[in-house]
PDB file of N, CA and C in Angstrom:
ATOM      1  N   MET A   1      19.153 -34.846  22.842  1.00  0.00           N
ATOM      2  CA  MET A   1      17.942 -34.723  22.075  1.00  0.00           C
ATOM      3  C   MET A   1      17.470 -33.272  22.032  1.00  0.00           C
ATOM      4  N   THR A   2      17.728 -32.480  23.052  1.00  0.00           N
ATOM      5  CA  THR A   2      17.317 -31.095  23.082  1.00  0.00           C
ATOM      6  C   THR A   2      18.031 -30.300  21.989  1.00  0.00           C
ATOM      7  N   LYS A   3      19.333 -30.571  21.803  1.00  0.00           N
ATOM      8  CA  LYS A   3      20.069 -29.876  20.758  1.00  0.00           C
ATOM      9  C   LYS A   3      19.481 -30.153  19.398  1.00  0.00           C
ATOM     10  N   PHE A   4      19.129 -31.389  19.129  1.00  0.00           N
ATOM     11  CA  PHE A   4      18.601 -31.781  17.822  1.00  0.00           C
ATOM     12  C   PHE A   4      17.291 -31.061  17.526  1.00  0.00           C
ATOM     13  N   SER A   5      16.344 -31.077  18.469  1.00  0.00           N
ATOM     14  CA  SER A   5      15.055 -30.423  18.221  1.00  0.00           C
ATOM     15  C   SER A   5      15.222 -28.902  18.206  1.00  0.00           C
ATOM     16  N   GLY A   6      16.155 -28.363  18.981  1.00  0.00           N
ATOM     17  CA  GLY A   6      16.408 -26.920  18.943  1.00  0.00           C
ATOM     18  C   GLY A   6      17.000 -26.515  17.614  1.00  0.00           C
ATOM     19  N   GLY A   7      17.849 -27.363  17.055  1.00  0.00           N
ATOM     20  CA  GLY A   7      18.434 -27.087  15.742  1.00  0.00           C
ATOM     21  C   GLY A   7      17.365 -27.097  14.663  1.00  0.00           C
ATOM     22  N   ARG A   8      16.415 -28.014  14.778  1.00  0.00           N
ATOM     23  CA  ARG A   8      15.315 -28.077  13.803  1.00  0.00           C
ATOM     24  C   ARG A   8      14.452 -26.830  13.883  1.00  0.00           C
ATOM     25  N   CYS A   9      14.190 -26.339  15.094  1.00  0.00           N
ATOM     26  CA  CYS A   9      13.390 -25.126  15.253  1.00  0.00           C
ATOM     27  C   CYS A   9      14.100 -23.936  14.629  1.00  0.00           C
ATOM     28  N   ARG A  10      15.409 -23.893  14.848  1.00  0.00           N
ATOM     29  CA  ARG A  10      16.189 -22.802  14.279  1.00  0.00           C
ATOM     30  C   ARG A  10      16.172 -22.895  12.755  1.00  0.00           C
ATOM     31  N   GLN A  11      16.320 -24.087  12.196  1.00  0.00           N
ATOM     32  CA  GLN A  11      16.283 -24.268  10.744  1.00  0.00           C
ATOM     33  C   GLN A  11      14.914 -23.878  10.192  1.00  0.00           C
ATOM     34  N   ALA A  12      13.863 -24.269  10.885  1.00  0.00           N
ATOM     35  CA  ALA A  12      12.505 -23.931  10.446  1.00  0.00           C
ATOM     36  C   ALA A  12      12.301 -22.422  10.482  1.00  0.00           C
ATOM     37  N   SER A  13      12.830 -21.765  11.511  1.00  0.00           N
ATOM     38  CA  SER A  13      12.702 -20.303  11.616  1.00  0.00           C
ATOM     39  C   SER A  13      13.446 -19.614  10.488  1.00  0.00           C
ATOM     40  N   ILE A  14      14.636 -20.083  10.186  1.00  0.00           N
ATOM     41  CA  ILE A  14      15.426 -19.505   9.103  1.00  0.00           C
ATOM     42  C   ILE A  14      14.721 -19.727   7.768  1.00  0.00           C
ATOM     43  N   LEU A  15      14.219 -20.930   7.548  1.00  0.00           N
ATOM     44  CA  LEU A  15      13.510 -21.246   6.313  1.00  0.00           C
ATOM     45  C   LEU A  15      12.268 -20.375   6.174  1.00  0.00           C
ATOM     46  N   THR A  16      11.533 -20.192   7.246  1.00  0.00           N
ATOM     47  CA  THR A  16      10.338 -19.346   7.229  1.00  0.00           C
ATOM     48  C   THR A  16      10.710 -17.905   6.897  1.00  0.00           C
ATOM     49  N   ALA A  17      11.775 -17.399   7.487  1.00  0.00           N
ATOM     50  CA  ALA A  17      12.218 -16.030   7.224  1.00  0.00           C
ATOM     51  C   ALA A  17      12.639 -15.866   5.759  1.00  0.00           C
ATOM     52  N   VAL A  18      13.361 -16.835   5.227  1.00  0.00           N
ATOM     53  CA  VAL A  18      13.796 -16.776   3.822  1.00  0.00           C
ATOM     54  C   VAL A  18      12.587 -16.801   2.891  1.00  0.00           C
ATOM     55  N   LEU A  19      11.628 -17.662   3.170  1.00  0.00           N
ATOM     56  CA  LEU A  19      10.420 -17.725   2.343  1.00  0.00           C
ATOM     57  C   LEU A  19       9.623 -16.430   2.417  1.00  0.00           C
ATOM     58  N   ALA A  20       9.530 -15.840   3.598  1.00  0.00           N
ATOM     59  CA  ALA A  20       8.803 -14.582   3.761  1.00  0.00           C
ATOM     60  C   ALA A  20       9.483 -13.465   2.972  1.00  0.00           C
ATOM     61  N   MET A  21      10.808 -13.402   3.027  1.00  0.00           N
ATOM     62  CA  MET A  21      11.532 -12.382   2.263  1.00  0.00           C
ATOM     63  C   MET A  21      11.366 -12.599   0.765  1.00  0.00           C
ATOM     64  N   THR A  22      11.436 -13.847   0.322  1.00  0.00           N
ATOM     65  CA  THR A  22      11.281 -14.157  -1.089  1.00  0.00           C
ATOM     66  C   THR A  22       9.899 -13.743  -1.581  1.00  0.00           C
ATOM     67  N   LEU A  23       8.876 -14.023  -0.786  1.00  0.00           N
ATOM     68  CA  LEU A  23       7.514 -13.661  -1.150  1.00  0.00           C
ATOM     69  C   LEU A  23       7.350 -12.153  -1.211  1.00  0.00           C
ATOM     70  N   SER A  24       7.901 -11.426  -0.241  1.00  0.00           N
ATOM     71  CA  SER A  24       7.754  -9.971  -0.249  1.00  0.00           C
ATOM     72  C   SER A  24       8.491  -9.342  -1.425  1.00  0.00           C
ATOM     73  N   VAL A  25       9.648  -9.873  -1.798  1.00  0.00           N
ATOM     74  CA  VAL A  25      10.376  -9.376  -2.972  1.00  0.00           C
ATOM     75  C   VAL A  25       9.575  -9.669  -4.240  1.00  0.00           C
ATOM     76  N   ALA A  26       9.012 -10.853  -4.335  1.00  0.00           N
ATOM     77  CA  ALA A  26       8.218 -11.215  -5.510  1.00  0.00           C
ATOM     78  C   ALA A  26       7.011 -10.298  -5.648  1.00  0.00           C
ATOM     79  N   LEU A  27       6.342  -9.982  -4.553  1.00  0.00           N
ATOM     80  CA  LEU A  27       5.195  -9.085  -4.596  1.00  0.00           C
ATOM     81  C   LEU A  27       5.618  -7.668  -4.956  1.00  0.00           C
ATOM     82  N   ALA A  28       6.717  -7.198  -4.434  1.00  0.00           N
ATOM     83  CA  ALA A  28       7.195  -5.855  -4.735  1.00  0.00           C
ATOM     84  C   ALA A  28       7.566  -5.717  -6.202  1.00  0.00           C
ATOM     85  N   VAL A  29       8.148  -6.753  -6.766  1.00  0.00           N
ATOM     86  CA  VAL A  29       8.538  -6.719  -8.173  1.00  0.00           C
ATOM     87  C   VAL A  29       7.316  -6.816  -9.071  1.00  0.00           C
ATOM     88  N   SER A  30       6.325  -7.617  -8.705  1.00  0.00           N
ATOM     89  CA  SER A  30       5.165  -7.806  -9.567  1.00  0.00           C
ATOM     90  C   SER A  30       4.176  -6.652  -9.483  1.00  0.00           C
ATOM     91  N   SER A  31       4.126  -5.909  -8.389  1.00  0.00           N
ATOM     92  CA  SER A  31       3.161  -4.826  -8.249  1.00  0.00           C
ATOM     93  C   SER A  31       3.315  -3.748  -9.304  1.00  0.00           C
ATOM     94  N   PRO A  32       4.519  -3.211  -9.582  1.00  0.00           N
ATOM     95  CA  PRO A  32       4.637  -2.213 -10.632  1.00  0.00           C
ATOM     96  C   PRO A  32       4.244  -2.768 -11.996  1.00  0.00           C
ATOM     97  N   VAL A  33       4.508  -4.042 -12.231  1.00  0.00           N
ATOM     98  CA  VAL A  33       4.140  -4.642 -13.504  1.00  0.00           C
ATOM     99  C   VAL A  33       2.633  -4.639 -13.652  1.00  0.00           C
ATOM    100  N   LEU A  34       1.912  -4.984 -12.583  1.00  0.00           N
ATOM    101  CA  LEU A  34       0.462  -4.970 -12.634  1.00  0.00           C
ATOM    102  C   LEU A  34      -0.064  -3.551 -12.792  1.00  0.00           C
ATOM    103  N   ALA A  35       0.544  -2.600 -12.119  1.00  0.00           N
ATOM    104  CA  ALA A  35       0.087  -1.220 -12.189  1.00  0.00           C
ATOM    105  C   ALA A  35       0.406  -0.584 -13.537  1.00  0.00           C
ATOM    106  N   ALA A  36       1.351  -1.145 -14.270  1.00  0.00           N
ATOM    107  CA  ALA A  36       1.782  -0.557 -15.525  1.00  0.00           C
ATOM    108  C   ALA A  36       0.844  -0.864 -16.677  1.00  0.00           C
ATOM    109  N   GLY A  37      -0.208  -1.635 -16.470  1.00  0.00           N
ATOM    110  CA  GLY A  37      -1.158  -1.934 -17.531  1.00  0.00           C
ATOM    111  C   GLY A  37      -1.952  -0.699 -17.916  1.00  0.00           C
ATOM    112  N   LYS A  38      -2.645  -0.783 -19.043  1.00  0.00           N
ATOM    113  CA  LYS A  38      -3.450   0.349 -19.498  1.00  0.00           C
ATOM    114  C   LYS A  38      -4.638   0.554 -18.576  1.00  0.00           C
ATOM    115  N   GLN A  39      -4.919   1.816 -18.320  1.00  0.00           N
ATOM    116  CA  GLN A  39      -6.045   2.207 -17.484  1.00  0.00           C
ATOM    117  C   GLN A  39      -6.835   3.286 -18.205  1.00  0.00           C
ATOM    118  N   THR A  40      -8.102   3.412 -17.854  1.00  0.00           N
ATOM    119  CA  THR A  40      -8.947   4.452 -18.420  1.00  0.00           C
ATOM    120  C   THR A  40      -9.332   5.413 -17.307  1.00  0.00           C
ATOM    121  N   LEU A  41      -9.102   6.713 -17.552  1.00  0.00           N
ATOM    122  CA  LEU A  41      -9.379   7.756 -16.573  1.00  0.00           C
ATOM    123  C   LEU A  41     -10.232   8.842 -17.223  1.00  0.00           C
ATOM    124  N   THR A  42     -11.126   9.430 -16.452  1.00  0.00           N
ATOM    125  CA  THR A  42     -11.949  10.538 -16.943  1.00  0.00           C
ATOM    126  C   THR A  42     -11.754  11.729 -16.025  1.00  0.00           C
ATOM    127  N   GLY A  43     -11.572  12.893 -16.633  1.00  0.00           N
ATOM    128  CA  GLY A  43     -11.400  14.111 -15.862  1.00  0.00           C
ATOM    129  C   GLY A  43     -11.356  15.316 -16.766  1.00  0.00           C
ATOM    130  N   GLU A  44     -11.079  16.461 -16.165  1.00  0.00           N
ATOM    131  CA  GLU A  44     -11.033  17.726 -16.899  1.00  0.00           C
ATOM    132  C   GLU A  44      -9.650  17.955 -17.491  1.00  0.00           C
ATOM    133  N   VAL A  45      -9.629  18.376 -18.757  1.00  0.00           N
ATOM    134  CA  VAL A  45      -8.357  18.676 -19.418  1.00  0.00           C
ATOM    135  C   VAL A  45      -7.878  20.046 -18.960  1.00  0.00           C
ATOM    136  N   GLY A  46      -6.680  20.063 -18.410  1.00  0.00           N
ATOM    137  CA  GLY A  46      -6.014  21.299 -18.011  1.00  0.00           C
ATOM    138  C   GLY A  46      -4.593  21.224 -18.514  1.00  0.00           C
ATOM    139  N   ASP A  47      -3.717  21.945 -17.869  1.00  0.00           N
ATOM    140  CA  ASP A  47      -2.300  21.861 -18.222  1.00  0.00           C
ATOM    141  C   ASP A  47      -1.497  21.584 -16.961  1.00  0.00           C
ATOM    142  N   ALA A  48      -0.305  21.065 -17.160  1.00  0.00           N
ATOM    143  CA  ALA A  48       0.528  20.634 -16.032  1.00  0.00           C
ATOM    144  C   ALA A  48       0.939  21.789 -15.127  1.00  0.00           C
ATOM    145  N   MET A  49       1.033  23.005 -15.673  1.00  0.00           N
ATOM    146  CA  MET A  49       1.451  24.135 -14.856  1.00  0.00           C
ATOM    147  C   MET A  49       0.307  24.623 -13.962  1.00  0.00           C
ATOM    148  N   CYS A  50      -0.882  24.767 -14.519  1.00  0.00           N
ATOM    149  CA  CYS A  50      -2.008  25.326 -13.754  1.00  0.00           C
ATOM    150  C   CYS A  50      -2.886  24.267 -13.106  1.00  0.00           C
ATOM    151  N   GLY A  51      -2.939  23.066 -13.702  1.00  0.00           N
ATOM    152  CA  GLY A  51      -3.852  22.051 -13.186  1.00  0.00           C
ATOM    153  C   GLY A  51      -5.283  22.510 -13.390  1.00  0.00           C
ATOM    154  N   ARG A  52      -6.003  22.667 -12.303  1.00  0.00           N
ATOM    155  CA  ARG A  52      -7.392  23.115 -12.399  1.00  0.00           C
ATOM    156  C   ARG A  52      -7.552  24.580 -12.002  1.00  0.00           C
ATOM    157  N   THR A  53      -6.538  25.163 -11.415  1.00  0.00           N
ATOM    158  CA  THR A  53      -6.578  26.555 -10.988  1.00  0.00           C
ATOM    159  C   THR A  53      -5.929  27.409 -12.065  1.00  0.00           C
ATOM    160  N   HIS A  54      -6.726  27.881 -12.991  1.00  0.00           N
ATOM    161  CA  HIS A  54      -6.193  28.633 -14.133  1.00  0.00           C
ATOM    162  C   HIS A  54      -5.917  30.080 -13.751  1.00  0.00           C
ATOM    163  N   MET A  55      -4.837  30.607 -14.306  1.00  0.00           N
ATOM    164  CA  MET A  55      -4.379  31.939 -13.926  1.00  0.00           C
ATOM    165  C   MET A  55      -4.987  33.056 -14.761  1.00  0.00           C
ATOM    166  N   ASP A  56      -5.374  32.745 -16.003  1.00  0.00           N
ATOM    167  CA  ASP A  56      -5.817  33.833 -16.871  1.00  0.00           C
ATOM    168  C   ASP A  56      -6.874  33.330 -17.851  1.00  0.00           C
ATOM    169  N   GLY A  57      -8.001  34.019 -17.918  1.00  0.00           N
ATOM    170  CA  GLY A  57      -9.053  33.680 -18.861  1.00  0.00           C
ATOM    171  C   GLY A  57      -9.828  32.441 -18.437  1.00  0.00           C
ATOM    172  N   THR A  58     -10.557  31.876 -19.395  1.00  0.00           N
ATOM    173  CA  THR A  58     -11.326  30.663 -19.113  1.00  0.00           C
ATOM    174  C   THR A  58     -10.377  29.474 -19.000  1.00  0.00           C
ATOM    175  N   ALA A  59     -10.906  28.368 -18.516  1.00  0.00           N
ATOM    176  CA  ALA A  59     -10.086  27.155 -18.386  1.00  0.00           C
ATOM    177  C   ALA A  59      -9.520  26.749 -19.744  1.00  0.00           C
ATOM    178  N   ALA A  60     -10.339  26.822 -20.798  1.00  0.00           N
ATOM    179  CA  ALA A  60      -9.886  26.443 -22.135  1.00  0.00           C
ATOM    180  C   ALA A  60      -8.806  27.385 -22.640  1.00  0.00           C
ATOM    181  N   GLU A  61      -9.012  28.690 -22.471  1.00  0.00           N
ATOM    182  CA  GLU A  61      -8.028  29.676 -22.949  1.00  0.00           C
ATOM    183  C   GLU A  61      -6.700  29.517 -22.222  1.00  0.00           C
ATOM    184  N   CYS A  62      -6.764  29.390 -20.917  1.00  0.00           N
ATOM    185  CA  CYS A  62      -5.546  29.259 -20.117  1.00  0.00           C
ATOM    186  C   CYS A  62      -4.798  27.983 -20.477  1.00  0.00           C
ATOM    187  N   THR A  63      -5.536  26.873 -20.606  1.00  0.00           N
ATOM    188  CA  THR A  63      -4.904  25.601 -20.953  1.00  0.00           C
ATOM    189  C   THR A  63      -4.193  25.707 -22.290  1.00  0.00           C
ATOM    190  N   ARG A  64      -4.876  26.230 -23.285  1.00  0.00           N
ATOM    191  CA  ARG A  64      -4.278  26.350 -24.623  1.00  0.00           C
ATOM    192  C   ARG A  64      -3.065  27.275 -24.611  1.00  0.00           C
ATOM    193  N   THR A  65      -3.142  28.379 -23.870  1.00  0.00           N
ATOM    194  CA  THR A  65      -2.012  29.315 -23.782  1.00  0.00           C
ATOM    195  C   THR A  65      -0.810  28.647 -23.125  1.00  0.00           C
ATOM    196  N   CYS A  66      -1.044  27.969 -22.004  1.00  0.00           N
ATOM    197  CA  CYS A  66       0.065  27.313 -21.294  1.00  0.00           C
ATOM    198  C   CYS A  66       0.700  26.213 -22.146  1.00  0.00           C
ATOM    199  N   VAL A  67      -0.130  25.432 -22.841  1.00  0.00           N
ATOM    200  CA  VAL A  67       0.404  24.376 -23.703  1.00  0.00           C
ATOM    201  C   VAL A  67       1.195  24.991 -24.856  1.00  0.00           C
ATOM    202  N   ALA A  68       0.708  26.094 -25.410  1.00  0.00           N
ATOM    203  CA  ALA A  68       1.430  26.774 -26.489  1.00  0.00           C
ATOM    204  C   ALA A  68       2.792  27.285 -26.019  1.00  0.00           C
ATOM    205  N   HIS A  69       2.908  27.540 -24.712  1.00  0.00           N
ATOM    206  CA  HIS A  69       4.173  28.024 -24.148  1.00  0.00           C
ATOM    207  C   HIS A  69       5.010  26.911 -23.527  1.00  0.00           C
ATOM    208  N   GLY A  70       4.678  25.651 -23.843  1.00  0.00           N
ATOM    209  CA  GLY A  70       5.532  24.545 -23.432  1.00  0.00           C
ATOM    210  C   GLY A  70       5.020  23.637 -22.333  1.00  0.00           C
ATOM    211  N   SER A  71       3.928  23.992 -21.675  1.00  0.00           N
ATOM    212  CA  SER A  71       3.380  23.109 -20.658  1.00  0.00           C
ATOM    213  C   SER A  71       2.739  21.905 -21.346  1.00  0.00           C
ATOM    214  N   LYS A  72       2.616  20.808 -20.620  1.00  0.00           N
ATOM    215  CA  LYS A  72       1.940  19.619 -21.153  1.00  0.00           C
ATOM    216  C   LYS A  72       0.483  19.643 -20.720  1.00  0.00           C
ATOM    217  N   TYR A  73      -0.344  18.940 -21.483  1.00  0.00           N
ATOM    218  CA  TYR A  73      -1.728  18.769 -21.058  1.00  0.00           C
ATOM    219  C   TYR A  73      -1.732  17.958 -19.774  1.00  0.00           C
ATOM    220  N   ALA A  74      -2.785  18.154 -18.987  1.00  0.00           N
ATOM    221  CA  ALA A  74      -2.951  17.415 -17.741  1.00  0.00           C
ATOM    222  C   ALA A  74      -4.408  16.982 -17.638  1.00  0.00           C
ATOM    223  N   LEU A  75      -4.639  15.985 -16.814  1.00  0.00           N
ATOM    224  CA  LEU A  75      -5.989  15.498 -16.550  1.00  0.00           C
ATOM    225  C   LEU A  75      -6.245  15.619 -15.057  1.00  0.00           C
ATOM    226  N   VAL A  76      -7.274  16.397 -14.701  1.00  0.00           N
ATOM    227  CA  VAL A  76      -7.648  16.571 -13.303  1.00  0.00           C
ATOM    228  C   VAL A  76      -8.807  15.618 -13.027  1.00  0.00           C
ATOM    229  N   VAL A  77      -8.556  14.615 -12.208  1.00  0.00           N
ATOM    230  CA  VAL A  77      -9.539  13.577 -11.915  1.00  0.00           C
ATOM    231  C   VAL A  77     -10.155  13.832 -10.541  1.00  0.00           C
ATOM    232  N   GLY A  78     -11.460  13.924 -10.509  1.00  0.00           N
ATOM    233  CA  GLY A  78     -12.157  14.114  -9.241  1.00  0.00           C
ATOM    234  C   GLY A  78     -11.859  15.443  -8.575  1.00  0.00           C
ATOM    235  N   GLY A  79     -11.359  16.396  -9.333  1.00  0.00           N
ATOM    236  CA  GLY A  79     -11.049  17.708  -8.771  1.00  0.00           C
ATOM    237  C   GLY A  79      -9.856  17.726  -7.846  1.00  0.00           C
ATOM    238  N   GLN A  80      -9.160  16.578  -7.708  1.00  0.00           N
ATOM    239  CA  GLN A  80      -8.059  16.508  -6.752  1.00  0.00           C
ATOM    240  C   GLN A  80      -6.763  15.997  -7.360  1.00  0.00           C
ATOM    241  N   LYS A  81      -6.815  14.872  -8.033  1.00  0.00           N
ATOM    242  CA  LYS A  81      -5.606  14.230  -8.554  1.00  0.00           C
ATOM    243  C   LYS A  81      -5.318  14.752  -9.961  1.00  0.00           C
ATOM    244  N   THR A  82      -4.108  15.223 -10.197  1.00  0.00           N
ATOM    245  CA  THR A  82      -3.717  15.735 -11.505  1.00  0.00           C
ATOM    246  C   THR A  82      -2.641  14.848 -12.106  1.00  0.00           C
ATOM    247  N   TYR A  83      -2.880  14.387 -13.328  1.00  0.00           N
ATOM    248  CA  TYR A  83      -1.936  13.572 -14.075  1.00  0.00           C
ATOM    249  C   TYR A  83      -1.403  14.369 -15.251  1.00  0.00           C
ATOM    250  N   THR A  84      -0.106  14.365 -15.461  1.00  0.00           N
ATOM    251  CA  THR A  84       0.482  14.951 -16.659  1.00  0.00           C
ATOM    252  C   THR A  84       0.304  13.951 -17.795  1.00  0.00           C
ATOM    253  N   LEU A  85      -0.149  14.444 -18.956  1.00  0.00           N
ATOM    254  CA  LEU A  85      -0.427  13.568 -20.089  1.00  0.00           C
ATOM    255  C   LEU A  85       0.706  13.627 -21.101  1.00  0.00           C
ATOM    256  N   ASN A  86       1.250  12.475 -21.432  1.00  0.00           N
ATOM    257  CA  ASN A  86       2.311  12.371 -22.433  1.00  0.00           C
ATOM    258  C   ASN A  86       1.753  11.720 -23.681  1.00  0.00           C
ATOM    259  N   THR A  87       1.928  12.360 -24.825  1.00  0.00           N
ATOM    260  CA  THR A  87       1.573  11.765 -26.101  1.00  0.00           C
ATOM    261  C   THR A  87       2.172  12.599 -27.223  1.00  0.00           C
ATOM    262  N   SER A  88       2.466  11.937 -28.315  1.00  0.00           N
ATOM    263  CA  SER A  88       2.882  12.641 -29.522  1.00  0.00           C
ATOM    264  C   SER A  88       1.890  12.363 -30.652  1.00  0.00           C
ATOM    265  N   ASP A  89       0.835  11.616 -30.341  1.00  0.00           N
ATOM    266  CA  ASP A  89      -0.199  11.271 -31.308  1.00  0.00           C
ATOM    267  C   ASP A  89      -1.013  12.529 -31.635  1.00  0.00           C
ATOM    268  N   LYS A  90      -0.986  12.931 -32.902  1.00  0.00           N
ATOM    269  CA  LYS A  90      -1.652  14.168 -33.303  1.00  0.00           C
ATOM    270  C   LYS A  90      -3.162  14.112 -33.095  1.00  0.00           C
ATOM    271  N   ALA A  91      -3.760  12.946 -33.293  1.00  0.00           N
ATOM    272  CA  ALA A  91      -5.209  12.810 -33.080  1.00  0.00           C
ATOM    273  C   ALA A  91      -5.552  12.994 -31.600  1.00  0.00           C
ATOM    274  N   VAL A  92      -4.734  12.426 -30.713  1.00  0.00           N
ATOM    275  CA  VAL A  92      -4.959  12.570 -29.268  1.00  0.00           C
ATOM    276  C   VAL A  92      -4.759  14.032 -28.870  1.00  0.00           C
ATOM    277  N   LEU A  93      -3.714  14.670 -29.384  1.00  0.00           N
ATOM    278  CA  LEU A  93      -3.458  16.079 -29.071  1.00  0.00           C
ATOM    279  C   LEU A  93      -4.607  16.963 -29.551  1.00  0.00           C
ATOM    280  N   ALA A  94      -5.186  16.639 -30.694  1.00  0.00           N
ATOM    281  CA  ALA A  94      -6.321  17.412 -31.213  1.00  0.00           C
ATOM    282  C   ALA A  94      -7.531  17.293 -30.299  1.00  0.00           C
ATOM    283  N   VAL A  95      -7.786  16.081 -29.794  1.00  0.00           N
ATOM    284  CA  VAL A  95      -8.909  15.885 -28.861  1.00  0.00           C
ATOM    285  C   VAL A  95      -8.649  16.666 -27.581  1.00  0.00           C
ATOM    286  N   LEU A  96      -7.432  16.604 -27.052  1.00  0.00           N
ATOM    287  CA  LEU A  96      -7.112  17.324 -25.816  1.00  0.00           C
ATOM    288  C   LEU A  96      -7.275  18.828 -26.016  1.00  0.00           C
ATOM    289  N   ASP A  97      -6.847  19.344 -27.164  1.00  0.00           N
ATOM    290  CA  ASP A  97      -6.998  20.769 -27.461  1.00  0.00           C
ATOM    291  C   ASP A  97      -8.475  21.142 -27.550  1.00  0.00           C
ATOM    292  N   GLN A  98      -9.241  20.338 -28.262  1.00  0.00           N
ATOM    293  CA  GLN A  98     -10.674  20.598 -28.426  1.00  0.00           C
ATOM    294  C   GLN A  98     -11.415  20.528 -27.088  1.00  0.00           C
ATOM    295  N   GLN A  99     -10.985  19.641 -26.207  1.00  0.00           N
ATOM    296  CA  GLN A  99     -11.658  19.419 -24.924  1.00  0.00           C
ATOM    297  C   GLN A  99     -11.035  20.224 -23.778  1.00  0.00           C
ATOM    298  N   ALA A 100     -10.134  21.127 -24.063  1.00  0.00           N
ATOM    299  CA  ALA A 100      -9.509  21.936 -23.007  1.00  0.00           C
ATOM    300  C   ALA A 100     -10.580  22.572 -22.137  1.00  0.00           C
ATOM    301  N   GLY A 101     -10.479  22.375 -20.829  1.00  0.00           N
ATOM    302  CA  GLY A 101     -11.449  22.904 -19.884  1.00  0.00           C
ATOM    303  C   GLY A 101     -12.700  22.054 -19.755  1.00  0.00           C
ATOM    304  N   LYS A 102     -12.771  20.978 -20.520  1.00  0.00           N
ATOM    305  CA  LYS A 102     -13.926  20.076 -20.487  1.00  0.00           C
ATOM    306  C   LYS A 102     -13.456  18.683 -20.083  1.00  0.00           C
ATOM    307  N   ASN A 103     -14.415  17.786 -19.926  1.00  0.00           N
ATOM    308  CA  ASN A 103     -14.076  16.421 -19.533  1.00  0.00           C
ATOM    309  C   ASN A 103     -13.716  15.559 -20.733  1.00  0.00           C
ATOM    310  N   VAL A 104     -12.756  14.695 -20.499  1.00  0.00           N
ATOM    311  CA  VAL A 104     -12.266  13.766 -21.509  1.00  0.00           C
ATOM    312  C   VAL A 104     -11.987  12.433 -20.836  1.00  0.00           C
ATOM    313  N   THR A 105     -12.061  11.369 -21.614  1.00  0.00           N
ATOM    314  CA  THR A 105     -11.687  10.045 -21.131  1.00  0.00           C
ATOM    315  C   THR A 105     -10.441   9.621 -21.879  1.00  0.00           C
ATOM    316  N   VAL A 106      -9.370   9.325 -21.136  1.00  0.00           N
ATOM    317  CA  VAL A 106      -8.113   8.893 -21.751  1.00  0.00           C
ATOM    318  C   VAL A 106      -7.820   7.456 -21.343  1.00  0.00           C
ATOM    319  N   THR A 107      -7.164   6.756 -22.234  1.00  0.00           N
ATOM    320  CA  THR A 107      -6.667   5.419 -21.936  1.00  0.00           C
ATOM    321  C   THR A 107      -5.169   5.448 -22.157  1.00  0.00           C
ATOM    322  N   GLY A 108      -4.447   4.892 -21.200  1.00  0.00           N
ATOM    323  CA  GLY A 108      -2.995   4.866 -21.312  1.00  0.00           C
ATOM    324  C   GLY A 108      -2.364   4.189 -20.119  1.00  0.00           C
ATOM    325  N   THR A 109      -1.051   4.217 -20.106  1.00  0.00           N
ATOM    326  CA  THR A 109      -0.278   3.593 -19.040  1.00  0.00           C
ATOM    327  C   THR A 109       0.023   4.631 -17.966  1.00  0.00           C
ATOM    328  N   VAL A 110      -0.456   4.357 -16.754  1.00  0.00           N
ATOM    329  CA  VAL A 110      -0.251   5.268 -15.628  1.00  0.00           C
ATOM    330  C   VAL A 110       1.050   4.902 -14.927  1.00  0.00           C
ATOM    331  N   ASN A 111       1.876   5.924 -14.708  1.00  0.00           N
ATOM    332  CA  ASN A 111       3.132   5.737 -13.997  1.00  0.00           C
ATOM    333  C   ASN A 111       3.255   6.890 -13.005  1.00  0.00           C
ATOM    334  N   GLY A 112       2.778   6.676 -11.792  1.00  0.00           N
ATOM    335  CA  GLY A 112       2.790   7.740 -10.783  1.00  0.00           C
ATOM    336  C   GLY A 112       1.795   8.822 -11.153  1.00  0.00           C
ATOM    337  N   ASP A 113       2.300  10.039 -11.403  1.00  0.00           N
ATOM    338  CA  ASP A 113       1.447  11.180 -11.753  1.00  0.00           C
ATOM    339  C   ASP A 113       1.447  11.456 -13.255  1.00  0.00           C
ATOM    340  N   THR A 114       1.878  10.482 -14.040  1.00  0.00           N
ATOM    341  CA  THR A 114       1.984  10.652 -15.490  1.00  0.00           C
ATOM    342  C   THR A 114       1.198   9.555 -16.194  1.00  0.00           C
ATOM    343  N   VAL A 115       0.570   9.924 -17.318  1.00  0.00           N
ATOM    344  CA  VAL A 115      -0.128   8.938 -18.139  1.00  0.00           C
ATOM    345  C   VAL A 115       0.434   9.035 -19.554  1.00  0.00           C
ATOM    346  N   ASP A 116       0.919   7.908 -20.079  1.00  0.00           N
ATOM    347  CA  ASP A 116       1.304   7.833 -21.483  1.00  0.00           C
ATOM    348  C   ASP A 116       0.033   7.483 -22.239  1.00  0.00           C
ATOM    349  N   VAL A 117      -0.572   8.482 -22.861  1.00  0.00           N
ATOM    350  CA  VAL A 117      -1.906   8.365 -23.438  1.00  0.00           C
ATOM    351  C   VAL A 117      -1.853   7.711 -24.812  1.00  0.00           C
ATOM    352  N   SER A 118      -2.726   6.708 -24.998  1.00  0.00           N
ATOM    353  CA  SER A 118      -2.847   6.072 -26.315  1.00  0.00           C
ATOM    354  C   SER A 118      -4.125   6.502 -27.024  1.00  0.00           C
ATOM    355  N   THR A 119      -5.201   6.791 -26.258  1.00  0.00           N
ATOM    356  CA  THR A 119      -6.452   7.278 -26.858  1.00  0.00           C
ATOM    357  C   THR A 119      -7.080   8.331 -25.954  1.00  0.00           C
ATOM    358  N   ALA A 120      -7.845   9.218 -26.578  1.00  0.00           N
ATOM    359  CA  ALA A 120      -8.585  10.240 -25.841  1.00  0.00           C
ATOM    360  C   ALA A 120      -9.888  10.501 -26.585  1.00  0.00           C
ATOM    361  N   VAL A 121     -10.980  10.573 -25.827  1.00  0.00           N
ATOM    362  CA  VAL A 121     -12.292  10.887 -26.409  1.00  0.00           C
ATOM    363  C   VAL A 121     -13.032  11.819 -25.456  1.00  0.00           C
ATOM    364  N   ALA A 122     -13.917  12.636 -26.014  1.00  0.00           N
ATOM    365  CA  ALA A 122     -14.745  13.501 -25.184  1.00  0.00           C
ATOM    366  C   ALA A 122     -15.559  12.619 -24.244  1.00  0.00           C
ATOM    367  N   ALA A 123     -15.626  13.008 -22.976  1.00  0.00           N
ATOM    368  CA  ALA A 123     -16.373  12.220 -21.988  1.00  0.00           C
ATOM    369  C   ALA A 123     -17.864  12.396 -22.230  1.00  0.00           C
ATOM    370  N   LYS A 124     -18.589  11.316 -21.988  1.00  0.00           N
ATOM    371  CA  LYS A 124     -20.045  11.357 -22.183  1.00  0.00           C
ATOM    372  C   LYS A 124     -20.749  11.743 -20.910  1.00  0.00           C
TER     373      LYS A 124
END
């Protein structure tokens, strides 16, 4: 009888371990999907090279110069976190250019330190 109940305990332990692994894999797979939804962020428009520490001129001048030389626009949130902004939408690019060095609110898909921007408006 000891072997039988010991075998059941071992089976229960194995089943519990398999269920725990399955649950952790399911959560790991679903987390990026949840994080990939559209988010709205507000911060200062800068460029990916300088962020918030501009090297030359005003924040707006430096941002526009760096973007003209190939850098991407960036969003500095809370003075600490910098996101590189990806977009080919001319209306969004116009808002980012106009708001260089100022605050803007963008909506888009956040992926790590990058935002694929779908809309941008001057922050209120």
